[in-house]
Amino acid sequence: MGLLNQLFGKSEQSKEGMDFYDAVKNRRSIYAISKESPVSDERVKEVIEYAVKHSPSSFNSQSGRVVVLLGEHHDQLWNITTETLRKIVPADVFVPTEEKMNAFKSGYGTVLFFEDQSVIEGLQNAFPTYSENFPIWSQHSSGMLQYVVWTSLELEGLGATLQHYNPLIDEEVKKQWNIEDSWKLIAQMPFGKPVAPAGEKEFKSVDDRVKVYK
C-alpha cells in the first residue's frame, strides 16, 4: 500500500491500487468535471482536514485556512465570479469567459485557500529579522497545502484545477461566507468527477532541470 494510502486510509471508493507516486503522476488540471463525487462529503472533509493538519508551514505557523463549498454554495461562488468579471470584461468578448465560469460551476465543489495574515503579522513582530520573508514563506506554505489537497483529491477519484480570481472576488467572498478579515484569499480549486481526461503533457528533459553532485 502506497504512502498516501497509509496516511489517508484508502477508502473503498478510492482509485484501486494507486500509491503516492501514481497520485503525483496522475494529478493534472482536469477542467471537464461533473456535479458528482465518487466519495462522500465526509470523505472530502476528512482528507482536506488531514492535509491542513499535516502540510508543512514556516516556523510551524499553521497559517493555512480552508473553506470547502459544496452544493449551492459552490454554485454561488462561480455566480459571484461570473458577475464580477462581467463588470470588467468587454461584453463583445465575454462569452468565452462565461463558458469557463460555467465549466467550473459544473463541478461538485470548490476548495478556497486562505492565509491568516494575523498569524504572519505575529511572526513578523516576534522575529523582525525575518519580517520581509514571512509573507513569502506564507505563499510557500499555501502552495504546499494546495498541492497536498489536489493530490489527495486525485487519489479519491476527483479531478480539479487551481484558479486565481483573487483579489477581484475577495470582498464578496468574505461577505457571502462571513470570512474573517485577517484571512487572505490565495486560490480557488473547483473539483468534481472527471468526465474527460486531461490532454497530453509534454515534459522537458529532467537532465536539464536536476543537478546532482556527489
N, C-alpha and C. Protein backbone atom coordinates (compact mmCIF):
# COMPACT_ATOMS: atom_id res chain seq x y z
N MET A 1 0.85 -1.19 0.00
CA MET A 1 0.00 0.00 0.00
C MET A 1 0.88 1.23 0.00
N GLY A 2 0.57 2.21 -0.86
CA GLY A 2 1.41 3.39 -1.02
C GLY A 2 1.34 4.34 0.16
N LEU A 3 2.24 5.32 0.13
CA LEU A 3 2.37 6.26 1.23
C LEU A 3 1.10 7.04 1.50
N LEU A 4 0.50 7.60 0.46
CA LEU A 4 -0.73 8.36 0.68
C LEU A 4 -1.84 7.46 1.19
N ASN A 5 -1.90 6.23 0.69
CA ASN A 5 -2.91 5.30 1.19
C ASN A 5 -2.70 5.02 2.67
N GLN A 6 -1.44 4.91 3.09
CA GLN A 6 -1.15 4.70 4.50
C GLN A 6 -1.57 5.91 5.32
N LEU A 7 -1.31 7.09 4.79
CA LEU A 7 -1.62 8.32 5.52
C LEU A 7 -3.12 8.54 5.63
N PHE A 8 -3.80 8.41 4.50
CA PHE A 8 -5.21 8.77 4.47
C PHE A 8 -6.13 7.60 4.73
N GLY A 9 -5.64 6.38 4.59
CA GLY A 9 -6.51 5.23 4.76
C GLY A 9 -7.42 5.12 3.57
N LYS A 10 -6.97 4.48 2.51
CA LYS A 10 -7.70 4.45 1.25
C LYS A 10 -9.12 3.95 1.44
N SER A 11 -10.08 4.73 0.96
CA SER A 11 -11.48 4.33 1.07
C SER A 11 -11.79 3.28 0.00
N GLU A 12 -12.92 2.61 0.15
CA GLU A 12 -13.31 1.60 -0.82
C GLU A 12 -13.51 2.20 -2.20
N GLN A 13 -13.86 3.51 -2.23
CA GLN A 13 -14.16 4.16 -3.50
C GLN A 13 -12.93 4.82 -4.11
N SER A 14 -11.80 4.83 -3.39
CA SER A 14 -10.59 5.43 -3.93
C SER A 14 -10.10 4.64 -5.12
N LYS A 15 -9.28 5.29 -5.96
CA LYS A 15 -8.76 4.60 -7.13
C LYS A 15 -7.98 3.37 -6.70
N GLU A 16 -8.39 2.22 -7.18
CA GLU A 16 -7.84 0.95 -6.73
C GLU A 16 -6.35 0.85 -7.04
N GLY A 17 -5.57 0.55 -6.00
CA GLY A 17 -4.16 0.27 -6.20
C GLY A 17 -3.27 1.48 -6.37
N MET A 18 -3.81 2.69 -6.35
CA MET A 18 -2.98 3.87 -6.58
C MET A 18 -2.15 4.17 -5.35
N ASP A 19 -0.84 4.44 -5.56
CA ASP A 19 0.01 4.81 -4.45
C ASP A 19 0.45 6.26 -4.62
N PHE A 20 1.37 6.70 -3.75
CA PHE A 20 1.82 8.08 -3.75
C PHE A 20 2.35 8.52 -5.11
N TYR A 21 3.22 7.72 -5.71
CA TYR A 21 3.83 8.10 -6.97
C TYR A 21 2.82 8.13 -8.11
N ASP A 22 1.86 7.21 -8.08
CA ASP A 22 0.78 7.25 -9.07
C ASP A 22 -0.01 8.54 -8.95
N ALA A 23 -0.34 8.91 -7.71
CA ALA A 23 -1.15 10.10 -7.48
C ALA A 23 -0.40 11.36 -7.93
N VAL A 24 0.91 11.41 -7.67
CA VAL A 24 1.72 12.55 -8.11
C VAL A 24 1.72 12.64 -9.63
N LYS A 25 1.87 11.51 -10.29
CA LYS A 25 1.90 11.47 -11.75
C LYS A 25 0.55 11.81 -12.36
N ASN A 26 -0.51 11.30 -11.77
CA ASN A 26 -1.84 11.43 -12.36
C ASN A 26 -2.53 12.75 -12.03
N ARG A 27 -2.02 13.46 -11.02
CA ARG A 27 -2.62 14.76 -10.71
C ARG A 27 -2.41 15.72 -11.87
N ARG A 28 -3.50 16.16 -12.45
CA ARG A 28 -3.45 17.06 -13.59
C ARG A 28 -4.55 18.11 -13.45
N SER A 29 -4.50 19.11 -14.29
CA SER A 29 -5.59 20.08 -14.34
C SER A 29 -6.74 19.47 -15.13
N ILE A 30 -7.81 19.11 -14.43
CA ILE A 30 -8.98 18.48 -15.05
C ILE A 30 -10.09 19.52 -15.11
N TYR A 31 -10.40 19.98 -16.32
CA TYR A 31 -11.40 21.02 -16.49
C TYR A 31 -12.80 20.45 -16.72
N ALA A 32 -12.88 19.25 -17.30
CA ALA A 32 -14.18 18.64 -17.56
C ALA A 32 -14.61 17.83 -16.35
N ILE A 33 -15.45 18.44 -15.51
CA ILE A 33 -15.89 17.80 -14.26
C ILE A 33 -17.41 17.90 -14.14
N SER A 34 -17.98 17.00 -13.37
CA SER A 34 -19.44 16.97 -13.21
C SER A 34 -19.83 17.19 -11.76
N LYS A 35 -21.13 17.34 -11.54
CA LYS A 35 -21.66 17.53 -10.19
C LYS A 35 -21.87 16.19 -9.50
N GLU A 36 -20.92 15.32 -9.66
CA GLU A 36 -20.91 14.02 -8.98
C GLU A 36 -19.60 13.88 -8.23
N SER A 37 -19.63 13.01 -7.23
CA SER A 37 -18.40 12.70 -6.50
C SER A 37 -18.36 11.20 -6.24
N PRO A 38 -17.22 10.57 -6.48
CA PRO A 38 -17.10 9.14 -6.20
C PRO A 38 -16.96 8.82 -4.71
N VAL A 39 -16.79 9.86 -3.89
CA VAL A 39 -16.67 9.67 -2.44
C VAL A 39 -17.66 10.59 -1.73
N SER A 40 -17.90 10.30 -0.47
CA SER A 40 -18.87 11.06 0.31
C SER A 40 -18.34 12.44 0.68
N ASP A 41 -19.24 13.34 1.06
CA ASP A 41 -18.84 14.65 1.55
C ASP A 41 -17.96 14.52 2.79
N GLU A 42 -18.28 13.54 3.62
CA GLU A 42 -17.48 13.32 4.82
C GLU A 42 -16.06 12.93 4.47
N ARG A 43 -15.90 12.13 3.42
CA ARG A 43 -14.55 11.74 3.00
C ARG A 43 -13.78 12.94 2.46
N VAL A 44 -14.44 13.79 1.69
CA VAL A 44 -13.80 15.01 1.19
C VAL A 44 -13.33 15.85 2.37
N LYS A 45 -14.20 16.01 3.36
CA LYS A 45 -13.84 16.78 4.55
C LYS A 45 -12.67 16.14 5.28
N GLU A 46 -12.67 14.83 5.37
CA GLU A 46 -11.62 14.10 6.09
C GLU A 46 -10.25 14.32 5.46
N VAL A 47 -10.15 14.16 4.14
CA VAL A 47 -8.83 14.27 3.51
C VAL A 47 -8.33 15.71 3.50
N ILE A 48 -9.26 16.68 3.40
CA ILE A 48 -8.84 18.08 3.43
C ILE A 48 -8.39 18.48 4.83
N GLU A 49 -9.10 18.03 5.84
CA GLU A 49 -8.67 18.31 7.21
C GLU A 49 -7.30 17.70 7.49
N TYR A 50 -7.07 16.49 6.97
CA TYR A 50 -5.78 15.84 7.16
C TYR A 50 -4.67 16.66 6.50
N ALA A 51 -4.95 17.14 5.30
CA ALA A 51 -3.97 17.95 4.57
C ALA A 51 -3.66 19.24 5.32
N VAL A 52 -4.69 19.90 5.83
CA VAL A 52 -4.49 21.15 6.57
C VAL A 52 -3.66 20.89 7.82
N LYS A 53 -3.93 19.79 8.49
CA LYS A 53 -3.23 19.49 9.74
C LYS A 53 -1.76 19.17 9.50
N HIS A 54 -1.44 18.44 8.43
CA HIS A 54 -0.10 17.88 8.28
C HIS A 54 0.76 18.54 7.22
N SER A 55 0.23 19.46 6.44
CA SER A 55 1.08 20.14 5.46
C SER A 55 2.05 21.07 6.18
N PRO A 56 3.29 21.15 5.71
CA PRO A 56 4.30 21.96 6.41
C PRO A 56 4.06 23.46 6.25
N SER A 57 4.58 24.22 7.22
CA SER A 57 4.50 25.68 7.16
C SER A 57 5.72 26.26 7.87
N SER A 58 6.13 27.45 7.46
CA SER A 58 7.32 28.06 8.04
C SER A 58 7.12 28.34 9.53
N PHE A 59 8.12 28.03 10.33
CA PHE A 59 8.07 28.22 11.78
C PHE A 59 6.87 27.48 12.41
N ASN A 60 6.40 26.45 11.71
CA ASN A 60 5.20 25.73 12.15
C ASN A 60 4.05 26.71 12.42
N SER A 61 3.94 27.71 11.55
CA SER A 61 2.96 28.78 11.75
C SER A 61 1.52 28.29 11.60
N GLN A 62 1.31 27.24 10.79
CA GLN A 62 -0.04 26.70 10.56
C GLN A 62 -1.00 27.82 10.16
N SER A 63 -0.54 28.66 9.23
CA SER A 63 -1.32 29.84 8.83
C SER A 63 -2.36 29.54 7.75
N GLY A 64 -2.34 28.33 7.19
CA GLY A 64 -3.29 27.98 6.14
C GLY A 64 -4.70 27.84 6.67
N ARG A 65 -5.65 28.35 5.91
CA ARG A 65 -7.07 28.23 6.23
C ARG A 65 -7.81 27.76 4.98
N VAL A 66 -8.84 26.95 5.16
CA VAL A 66 -9.57 26.40 4.02
C VAL A 66 -11.06 26.51 4.26
N VAL A 67 -11.78 26.85 3.20
CA VAL A 67 -13.24 26.82 3.21
C VAL A 67 -13.67 25.91 2.06
N VAL A 68 -14.50 24.92 2.34
CA VAL A 68 -14.99 23.99 1.33
C VAL A 68 -16.44 24.34 1.01
N LEU A 69 -16.69 24.63 -0.26
CA LEU A 69 -18.03 24.99 -0.71
C LEU A 69 -18.62 23.85 -1.52
N LEU A 70 -19.77 23.35 -1.09
CA LEU A 70 -20.47 22.28 -1.78
C LEU A 70 -21.89 22.73 -2.14
N GLY A 71 -22.51 22.03 -3.07
CA GLY A 71 -23.90 22.31 -3.41
C GLY A 71 -24.13 23.75 -3.87
N GLU A 72 -25.14 24.38 -3.31
CA GLU A 72 -25.49 25.74 -3.70
C GLU A 72 -24.38 26.74 -3.38
N HIS A 73 -23.61 26.46 -2.35
CA HIS A 73 -22.51 27.37 -2.01
C HIS A 73 -21.45 27.38 -3.12
N HIS A 74 -21.17 26.21 -3.66
CA HIS A 74 -20.24 26.11 -4.80
C HIS A 74 -20.77 26.91 -5.99
N ASP A 75 -22.04 26.71 -6.30
CA ASP A 75 -22.65 27.44 -7.42
C ASP A 75 -22.58 28.95 -7.21
N GLN A 76 -22.83 29.36 -5.98
CA GLN A 76 -22.84 30.79 -5.68
C GLN A 76 -21.47 31.42 -5.90
N LEU A 77 -20.42 30.68 -5.55
CA LEU A 77 -19.08 31.22 -5.76
C LEU A 77 -18.85 31.57 -7.22
N TRP A 78 -19.23 30.66 -8.12
CA TRP A 78 -18.97 30.90 -9.54
C TRP A 78 -19.95 31.88 -10.14
N ASN A 79 -21.13 32.03 -9.52
CA ASN A 79 -22.03 33.12 -9.91
C ASN A 79 -21.39 34.47 -9.56
N ILE A 80 -20.82 34.54 -8.36
CA ILE A 80 -20.15 35.77 -7.92
C ILE A 80 -18.98 36.10 -8.86
N THR A 81 -18.19 35.08 -9.19
CA THR A 81 -17.04 35.30 -10.05
C THR A 81 -17.48 35.74 -11.44
N THR A 82 -18.53 35.11 -11.95
CA THR A 82 -19.04 35.48 -13.28
C THR A 82 -19.49 36.94 -13.31
N GLU A 83 -20.27 37.34 -12.32
CA GLU A 83 -20.78 38.71 -12.32
C GLU A 83 -19.69 39.73 -12.05
N THR A 84 -18.69 39.34 -11.28
CA THR A 84 -17.54 40.24 -11.05
C THR A 84 -16.78 40.47 -12.34
N LEU A 85 -16.55 39.40 -13.09
CA LEU A 85 -15.83 39.52 -14.35
C LEU A 85 -16.65 40.24 -15.41
N ARG A 86 -17.97 40.09 -15.34
CA ARG A 86 -18.84 40.75 -16.31
C ARG A 86 -18.66 42.27 -16.28
N LYS A 87 -18.31 42.78 -15.10
CA LYS A 87 -18.15 44.23 -14.94
C LYS A 87 -16.87 44.76 -15.58
N ILE A 88 -15.90 43.87 -15.82
CA ILE A 88 -14.62 44.35 -16.32
C ILE A 88 -14.22 43.79 -17.68
N VAL A 89 -14.88 42.70 -18.11
CA VAL A 89 -14.59 42.13 -19.41
C VAL A 89 -15.56 42.70 -20.44
N PRO A 90 -15.08 43.23 -21.56
CA PRO A 90 -15.97 43.78 -22.58
C PRO A 90 -17.05 42.79 -23.01
N ALA A 91 -18.26 43.28 -23.18
CA ALA A 91 -19.41 42.42 -23.48
C ALA A 91 -19.22 41.61 -24.75
N ASP A 92 -18.54 42.19 -25.74
CA ASP A 92 -18.41 41.50 -27.03
C ASP A 92 -17.42 40.34 -26.99
N VAL A 93 -16.67 40.22 -25.89
CA VAL A 93 -15.74 39.08 -25.76
C VAL A 93 -15.99 38.31 -24.47
N PHE A 94 -17.18 38.50 -23.88
CA PHE A 94 -17.44 37.89 -22.57
C PHE A 94 -17.85 36.42 -22.67
N VAL A 95 -18.34 35.99 -23.81
CA VAL A 95 -18.87 34.62 -23.94
C VAL A 95 -17.85 33.56 -23.52
N PRO A 96 -16.60 33.59 -23.99
CA PRO A 96 -15.64 32.57 -23.55
C PRO A 96 -15.39 32.58 -22.05
N THR A 97 -15.40 33.78 -21.46
CA THR A 97 -15.23 33.90 -20.01
C THR A 97 -16.39 33.24 -19.27
N GLU A 98 -17.61 33.52 -19.74
CA GLU A 98 -18.80 32.94 -19.10
C GLU A 98 -18.81 31.43 -19.25
N GLU A 99 -18.39 30.92 -20.39
CA GLU A 99 -18.33 29.48 -20.60
C GLU A 99 -17.34 28.83 -19.64
N LYS A 100 -16.22 29.52 -19.41
CA LYS A 100 -15.22 29.00 -18.48
C LYS A 100 -15.78 28.95 -17.07
N MET A 101 -16.49 30.00 -16.65
CA MET A 101 -17.08 30.02 -15.32
C MET A 101 -18.13 28.93 -15.18
N ASN A 102 -18.91 28.70 -16.23
CA ASN A 102 -19.91 27.64 -16.19
C ASN A 102 -19.27 26.27 -16.09
N ALA A 103 -18.09 26.11 -16.68
CA ALA A 103 -17.38 24.83 -16.58
C ALA A 103 -16.95 24.57 -15.13
N PHE A 104 -16.47 25.61 -14.45
CA PHE A 104 -16.11 25.45 -13.04
C PHE A 104 -17.37 25.18 -12.21
N LYS A 105 -18.43 25.88 -12.52
CA LYS A 105 -19.69 25.73 -11.78
C LYS A 105 -20.27 24.33 -11.96
N SER A 106 -19.96 23.68 -13.08
CA SER A 106 -20.50 22.34 -13.34
C SER A 106 -19.88 21.28 -12.45
N GLY A 107 -18.88 21.67 -11.64
CA GLY A 107 -18.25 20.73 -10.74
C GLY A 107 -19.04 20.47 -9.47
N TYR A 108 -18.49 19.64 -8.62
CA TYR A 108 -19.16 19.21 -7.38
C TYR A 108 -18.95 20.18 -6.23
N GLY A 109 -17.77 20.79 -6.19
CA GLY A 109 -17.45 21.69 -5.07
C GLY A 109 -16.22 22.51 -5.38
N THR A 110 -15.89 23.40 -4.47
CA THR A 110 -14.69 24.23 -4.61
C THR A 110 -14.01 24.35 -3.25
N VAL A 111 -12.69 24.24 -3.27
CA VAL A 111 -11.88 24.48 -2.08
C VAL A 111 -11.29 25.89 -2.18
N LEU A 112 -11.54 26.71 -1.18
CA LEU A 112 -10.95 28.04 -1.12
C LEU A 112 -9.77 28.01 -0.16
N PHE A 113 -8.63 28.48 -0.61
CA PHE A 113 -7.42 28.51 0.21
C PHE A 113 -7.14 29.94 0.67
N PHE A 114 -6.90 30.08 1.96
CA PHE A 114 -6.61 31.37 2.57
C PHE A 114 -5.31 31.26 3.37
N GLU A 115 -4.71 32.42 3.65
CA GLU A 115 -3.62 32.52 4.61
C GLU A 115 -4.01 33.57 5.66
N ASP A 116 -3.90 33.20 6.92
CA ASP A 116 -4.29 34.09 8.01
C ASP A 116 -3.19 35.12 8.25
N GLN A 117 -3.48 36.37 7.87
CA GLN A 117 -2.48 37.43 7.96
C GLN A 117 -2.15 37.80 9.40
N SER A 118 -3.05 37.54 10.32
CA SER A 118 -2.76 37.84 11.72
C SER A 118 -1.63 36.95 12.25
N VAL A 119 -1.59 35.71 11.77
CA VAL A 119 -0.50 34.80 12.15
C VAL A 119 0.82 35.30 11.58
N ILE A 120 0.79 35.71 10.34
CA ILE A 120 2.01 36.21 9.68
C ILE A 120 2.51 37.48 10.36
N GLU A 121 1.60 38.38 10.67
CA GLU A 121 1.99 39.62 11.35
C GLU A 121 2.57 39.32 12.73
N GLY A 122 2.01 38.31 13.41
CA GLY A 122 2.54 37.92 14.71
C GLY A 122 3.98 37.43 14.61
N LEU A 123 4.26 36.66 13.57
CA LEU A 123 5.62 36.19 13.36
C LEU A 123 6.56 37.33 13.00
N GLN A 124 6.08 38.28 12.22
CA GLN A 124 6.90 39.44 11.86
C GLN A 124 7.28 40.24 13.10
N ASN A 125 6.35 40.36 14.02
CA ASN A 125 6.63 41.09 15.27
C ASN A 125 7.57 40.30 16.17
N ALA A 126 7.41 38.99 16.18
CA ALA A 126 8.23 38.16 17.07
C ALA A 126 9.65 37.96 16.53
N PHE A 127 9.78 37.95 15.20
CA PHE A 127 11.08 37.71 14.58
C PHE A 127 11.34 38.79 13.52
N PRO A 128 11.60 40.02 13.93
CA PRO A 128 11.75 41.14 12.99
C PRO A 128 12.86 40.94 11.97
N THR A 129 13.88 40.15 12.30
CA THR A 129 14.97 39.90 11.35
C THR A 129 14.45 39.28 10.06
N TYR A 130 13.42 38.46 10.17
CA TYR A 130 12.87 37.76 9.00
C TYR A 130 11.56 38.37 8.51
N SER A 131 11.28 39.58 8.95
CA SER A 131 9.98 40.19 8.70
C SER A 131 9.57 40.16 7.23
N GLU A 132 10.49 40.52 6.35
CA GLU A 132 10.14 40.59 4.93
C GLU A 132 9.91 39.21 4.32
N ASN A 133 10.43 38.19 4.96
CA ASN A 133 10.32 36.85 4.39
C ASN A 133 9.02 36.13 4.73
N PHE A 134 8.40 36.50 5.84
CA PHE A 134 7.23 35.74 6.28
C PHE A 134 6.08 35.74 5.27
N PRO A 135 5.77 36.86 4.59
CA PRO A 135 4.73 36.78 3.56
C PRO A 135 5.11 35.85 2.41
N ILE A 136 6.40 35.80 2.07
CA ILE A 136 6.86 34.90 1.01
C ILE A 136 6.73 33.45 1.46
N TRP A 137 7.18 33.18 2.69
CA TRP A 137 7.09 31.82 3.22
C TRP A 137 5.63 31.39 3.37
N SER A 138 4.77 32.34 3.66
CA SER A 138 3.35 32.04 3.74
C SER A 138 2.82 31.51 2.41
N GLN A 139 3.26 32.13 1.31
CA GLN A 139 2.86 31.66 -0.01
C GLN A 139 3.41 30.26 -0.28
N HIS A 140 4.64 30.01 0.16
CA HIS A 140 5.21 28.68 0.00
C HIS A 140 4.35 27.65 0.74
N SER A 141 3.99 27.99 1.97
CA SER A 141 3.18 27.07 2.78
C SER A 141 1.84 26.79 2.11
N SER A 142 1.23 27.85 1.59
CA SER A 142 -0.06 27.68 0.92
C SER A 142 0.07 26.80 -0.31
N GLY A 143 1.16 27.01 -1.07
CA GLY A 143 1.38 26.18 -2.25
C GLY A 143 1.50 24.71 -1.91
N MET A 144 2.20 24.40 -0.82
CA MET A 144 2.32 23.00 -0.41
C MET A 144 0.97 22.43 0.01
N LEU A 145 0.18 23.22 0.73
CA LEU A 145 -1.14 22.78 1.13
C LEU A 145 -2.02 22.53 -0.09
N GLN A 146 -1.97 23.45 -1.04
CA GLN A 146 -2.76 23.28 -2.27
C GLN A 146 -2.38 21.99 -2.98
N TYR A 147 -1.09 21.71 -3.03
CA TYR A 147 -0.63 20.51 -3.72
C TYR A 147 -1.08 19.24 -3.00
N VAL A 148 -0.98 19.24 -1.69
CA VAL A 148 -1.40 18.05 -0.93
C VAL A 148 -2.90 17.81 -1.12
N VAL A 149 -3.71 18.88 -1.05
CA VAL A 149 -5.15 18.74 -1.25
C VAL A 149 -5.44 18.24 -2.67
N TRP A 150 -4.80 18.84 -3.65
CA TRP A 150 -5.03 18.48 -5.06
C TRP A 150 -4.69 17.01 -5.30
N THR A 151 -3.54 16.58 -4.80
CA THR A 151 -3.12 15.20 -4.98
C THR A 151 -4.03 14.24 -4.23
N SER A 152 -4.50 14.66 -3.07
CA SER A 152 -5.42 13.83 -2.29
C SER A 152 -6.75 13.66 -3.01
N LEU A 153 -7.25 14.74 -3.61
CA LEU A 153 -8.50 14.64 -4.38
C LEU A 153 -8.32 13.70 -5.56
N GLU A 154 -7.17 13.75 -6.21
CA GLU A 154 -6.87 12.82 -7.31
C GLU A 154 -6.91 11.39 -6.80
N LEU A 155 -6.33 11.16 -5.65
CA LEU A 155 -6.31 9.82 -5.07
C LEU A 155 -7.72 9.30 -4.81
N GLU A 156 -8.64 10.22 -4.52
CA GLU A 156 -10.02 9.83 -4.23
C GLU A 156 -10.89 9.75 -5.49
N GLY A 157 -10.27 9.96 -6.66
CA GLY A 157 -11.01 9.85 -7.90
C GLY A 157 -11.66 11.14 -8.36
N LEU A 158 -11.22 12.27 -7.81
CA LEU A 158 -11.78 13.58 -8.16
C LEU A 158 -10.78 14.36 -9.01
N GLY A 159 -11.30 15.07 -10.01
CA GLY A 159 -10.47 15.94 -10.82
C GLY A 159 -10.59 17.37 -10.35
N ALA A 160 -9.53 18.16 -10.50
CA ALA A 160 -9.54 19.54 -10.01
C ALA A 160 -8.62 20.41 -10.85
N THR A 161 -8.81 21.72 -10.71
CA THR A 161 -7.89 22.70 -11.26
C THR A 161 -7.63 23.75 -10.19
N LEU A 162 -6.60 24.55 -10.40
CA LEU A 162 -6.29 25.63 -9.46
C LEU A 162 -6.52 26.96 -10.16
N GLN A 163 -7.35 27.81 -9.56
CA GLN A 163 -7.73 29.09 -10.16
C GLN A 163 -7.36 30.24 -9.22
N HIS A 164 -7.23 31.44 -9.82
CA HIS A 164 -6.84 32.62 -9.04
C HIS A 164 -7.65 33.84 -9.50
N TYR A 165 -8.85 33.96 -8.98
CA TYR A 165 -9.69 35.12 -9.28
C TYR A 165 -9.65 36.14 -8.14
N ASN A 166 -8.78 35.90 -7.20
CA ASN A 166 -8.47 36.89 -6.17
C ASN A 166 -7.48 37.88 -6.78
N PRO A 167 -7.50 39.14 -6.41
CA PRO A 167 -8.32 39.74 -5.36
C PRO A 167 -9.67 40.26 -5.85
N LEU A 168 -10.04 39.98 -7.11
CA LEU A 168 -11.27 40.54 -7.66
C LEU A 168 -12.50 40.14 -6.86
N ILE A 169 -12.51 38.89 -6.36
CA ILE A 169 -13.71 38.39 -5.68
C ILE A 169 -13.59 38.40 -4.17
N ASP A 170 -12.47 38.88 -3.65
CA ASP A 170 -12.20 38.75 -2.21
C ASP A 170 -13.30 39.34 -1.34
N GLU A 171 -13.68 40.57 -1.63
CA GLU A 171 -14.63 41.27 -0.76
C GLU A 171 -15.98 40.56 -0.74
N GLU A 172 -16.45 40.14 -1.91
CA GLU A 172 -17.76 39.48 -1.99
C GLU A 172 -17.72 38.11 -1.33
N VAL A 173 -16.62 37.39 -1.49
CA VAL A 173 -16.48 36.07 -0.86
C VAL A 173 -16.51 36.20 0.66
N LYS A 174 -15.77 37.17 1.20
CA LYS A 174 -15.76 37.36 2.65
C LYS A 174 -17.14 37.71 3.17
N LYS A 175 -17.86 38.53 2.42
CA LYS A 175 -19.20 38.94 2.83
C LYS A 175 -20.18 37.77 2.76
N GLN A 176 -20.10 36.99 1.69
CA GLN A 176 -21.06 35.91 1.47
C GLN A 176 -20.92 34.80 2.50
N TRP A 177 -19.66 34.48 2.89
CA TRP A 177 -19.44 33.34 3.79
C TRP A 177 -18.86 33.76 5.14
N ASN A 178 -19.00 35.02 5.46
CA ASN A 178 -18.62 35.53 6.79
C ASN A 178 -17.18 35.13 7.13
N ILE A 179 -16.27 35.40 6.21
CA ILE A 179 -14.86 35.05 6.38
C ILE A 179 -14.17 36.11 7.24
N GLU A 180 -13.30 35.68 8.12
CA GLU A 180 -12.57 36.60 8.99
C GLU A 180 -11.76 37.60 8.17
N ASP A 181 -11.70 38.83 8.66
CA ASP A 181 -10.99 39.89 7.95
C ASP A 181 -9.52 39.55 7.72
N SER A 182 -8.92 38.81 8.65
CA SER A 182 -7.49 38.53 8.55
C SER A 182 -7.16 37.43 7.55
N TRP A 183 -8.16 36.74 7.03
CA TRP A 183 -7.91 35.66 6.07
C TRP A 183 -7.76 36.24 4.68
N LYS A 184 -6.64 36.00 4.05
CA LYS A 184 -6.38 36.48 2.69
C LYS A 184 -6.60 35.34 1.69
N LEU A 185 -7.47 35.57 0.71
CA LEU A 185 -7.76 34.54 -0.28
C LEU A 185 -6.56 34.36 -1.21
N ILE A 186 -6.13 33.10 -1.39
CA ILE A 186 -4.95 32.79 -2.18
C ILE A 186 -5.31 32.09 -3.49
N ALA A 187 -6.25 31.14 -3.44
CA ALA A 187 -6.57 30.37 -4.64
C ALA A 187 -7.92 29.68 -4.47
N GLN A 188 -8.46 29.25 -5.62
CA GLN A 188 -9.72 28.52 -5.64
C GLN A 188 -9.52 27.22 -6.43
N MET A 189 -10.06 26.11 -5.90
CA MET A 189 -9.87 24.81 -6.53
C MET A 189 -11.21 24.12 -6.78
N PRO A 190 -11.83 24.34 -7.95
CA PRO A 190 -13.06 23.61 -8.27
C PRO A 190 -12.75 22.14 -8.54
N PHE A 191 -13.61 21.25 -8.08
CA PHE A 191 -13.37 19.82 -8.26
C PHE A 191 -14.67 19.08 -8.51
N GLY A 192 -14.56 17.91 -9.07
CA GLY A 192 -15.71 17.07 -9.34
C GLY A 192 -15.27 15.78 -10.00
N LYS A 193 -16.22 14.94 -10.33
CA LYS A 193 -15.91 13.69 -11.02
C LYS A 193 -15.46 14.00 -12.44
N PRO A 194 -14.29 13.52 -12.85
CA PRO A 194 -13.83 13.80 -14.22
C PRO A 194 -14.76 13.17 -15.26
N VAL A 195 -15.07 13.93 -16.30
CA VAL A 195 -15.87 13.40 -17.40
C VAL A 195 -15.05 13.33 -18.69
N ALA A 196 -13.83 13.84 -18.65
CA ALA A 196 -12.91 13.73 -19.77
C ALA A 196 -11.49 13.85 -19.21
N PRO A 197 -10.55 13.13 -19.79
CA PRO A 197 -9.18 13.17 -19.27
C PRO A 197 -8.48 14.47 -19.64
N ALA A 198 -7.39 14.74 -18.96
CA ALA A 198 -6.54 15.87 -19.34
C ALA A 198 -5.84 15.55 -20.65
N GLY A 199 -5.41 16.58 -21.34
CA GLY A 199 -4.70 16.37 -22.60
C GLY A 199 -3.29 15.85 -22.36
N GLU A 200 -2.63 15.55 -23.45
CA GLU A 200 -1.25 15.08 -23.35
C GLU A 200 -0.36 16.17 -22.76
N LYS A 201 0.62 15.77 -22.00
CA LYS A 201 1.52 16.72 -21.36
C LYS A 201 2.94 16.47 -21.83
N GLU A 202 3.59 17.52 -22.29
CA GLU A 202 4.97 17.40 -22.72
C GLU A 202 5.91 17.71 -21.55
N PHE A 203 7.00 16.97 -21.48
CA PHE A 203 7.95 17.15 -20.39
C PHE A 203 9.31 17.56 -20.94
N LYS A 204 9.88 18.60 -20.33
CA LYS A 204 11.25 18.95 -20.65
C LYS A 204 12.18 17.92 -20.01
N SER A 205 13.35 17.78 -20.56
CA SER A 205 14.29 16.80 -20.04
C SER A 205 14.67 17.10 -18.60
N VAL A 206 14.53 16.09 -17.73
CA VAL A 206 14.91 16.28 -16.33
C VAL A 206 16.41 16.47 -16.19
N ASP A 207 17.17 16.02 -17.20
CA ASP A 207 18.62 16.21 -17.16
C ASP A 207 18.99 17.69 -17.17
N ASP A 208 18.13 18.50 -17.78
CA ASP A 208 18.36 19.94 -17.82
C ASP A 208 17.79 20.65 -16.60
N ARG A 209 17.06 19.93 -15.76
CA ARG A 209 16.34 20.56 -14.66
C ARG A 209 16.83 20.10 -13.29
N VAL A 210 17.59 19.03 -13.25
CA VAL A 210 18.08 18.49 -11.98
C VAL A 210 19.59 18.28 -12.07
N LYS A 211 20.28 18.76 -11.07
CA LYS A 211 21.73 18.55 -10.98
C LYS A 211 22.04 17.84 -9.67
N VAL A 212 22.84 16.79 -9.74
CA VAL A 212 23.23 16.03 -8.55
C VAL A 212 24.75 16.03 -8.46
N TYR A 213 25.27 16.40 -7.31
CA TYR A 213 26.72 16.38 -7.08
C TYR A 213 27.02 15.39 -5.96
N LYS A 214 28.00 14.53 -6.20
CA LYS A 214 28.35 13.56 -5.16
C LYS A 214 29.84 13.25 -5.24
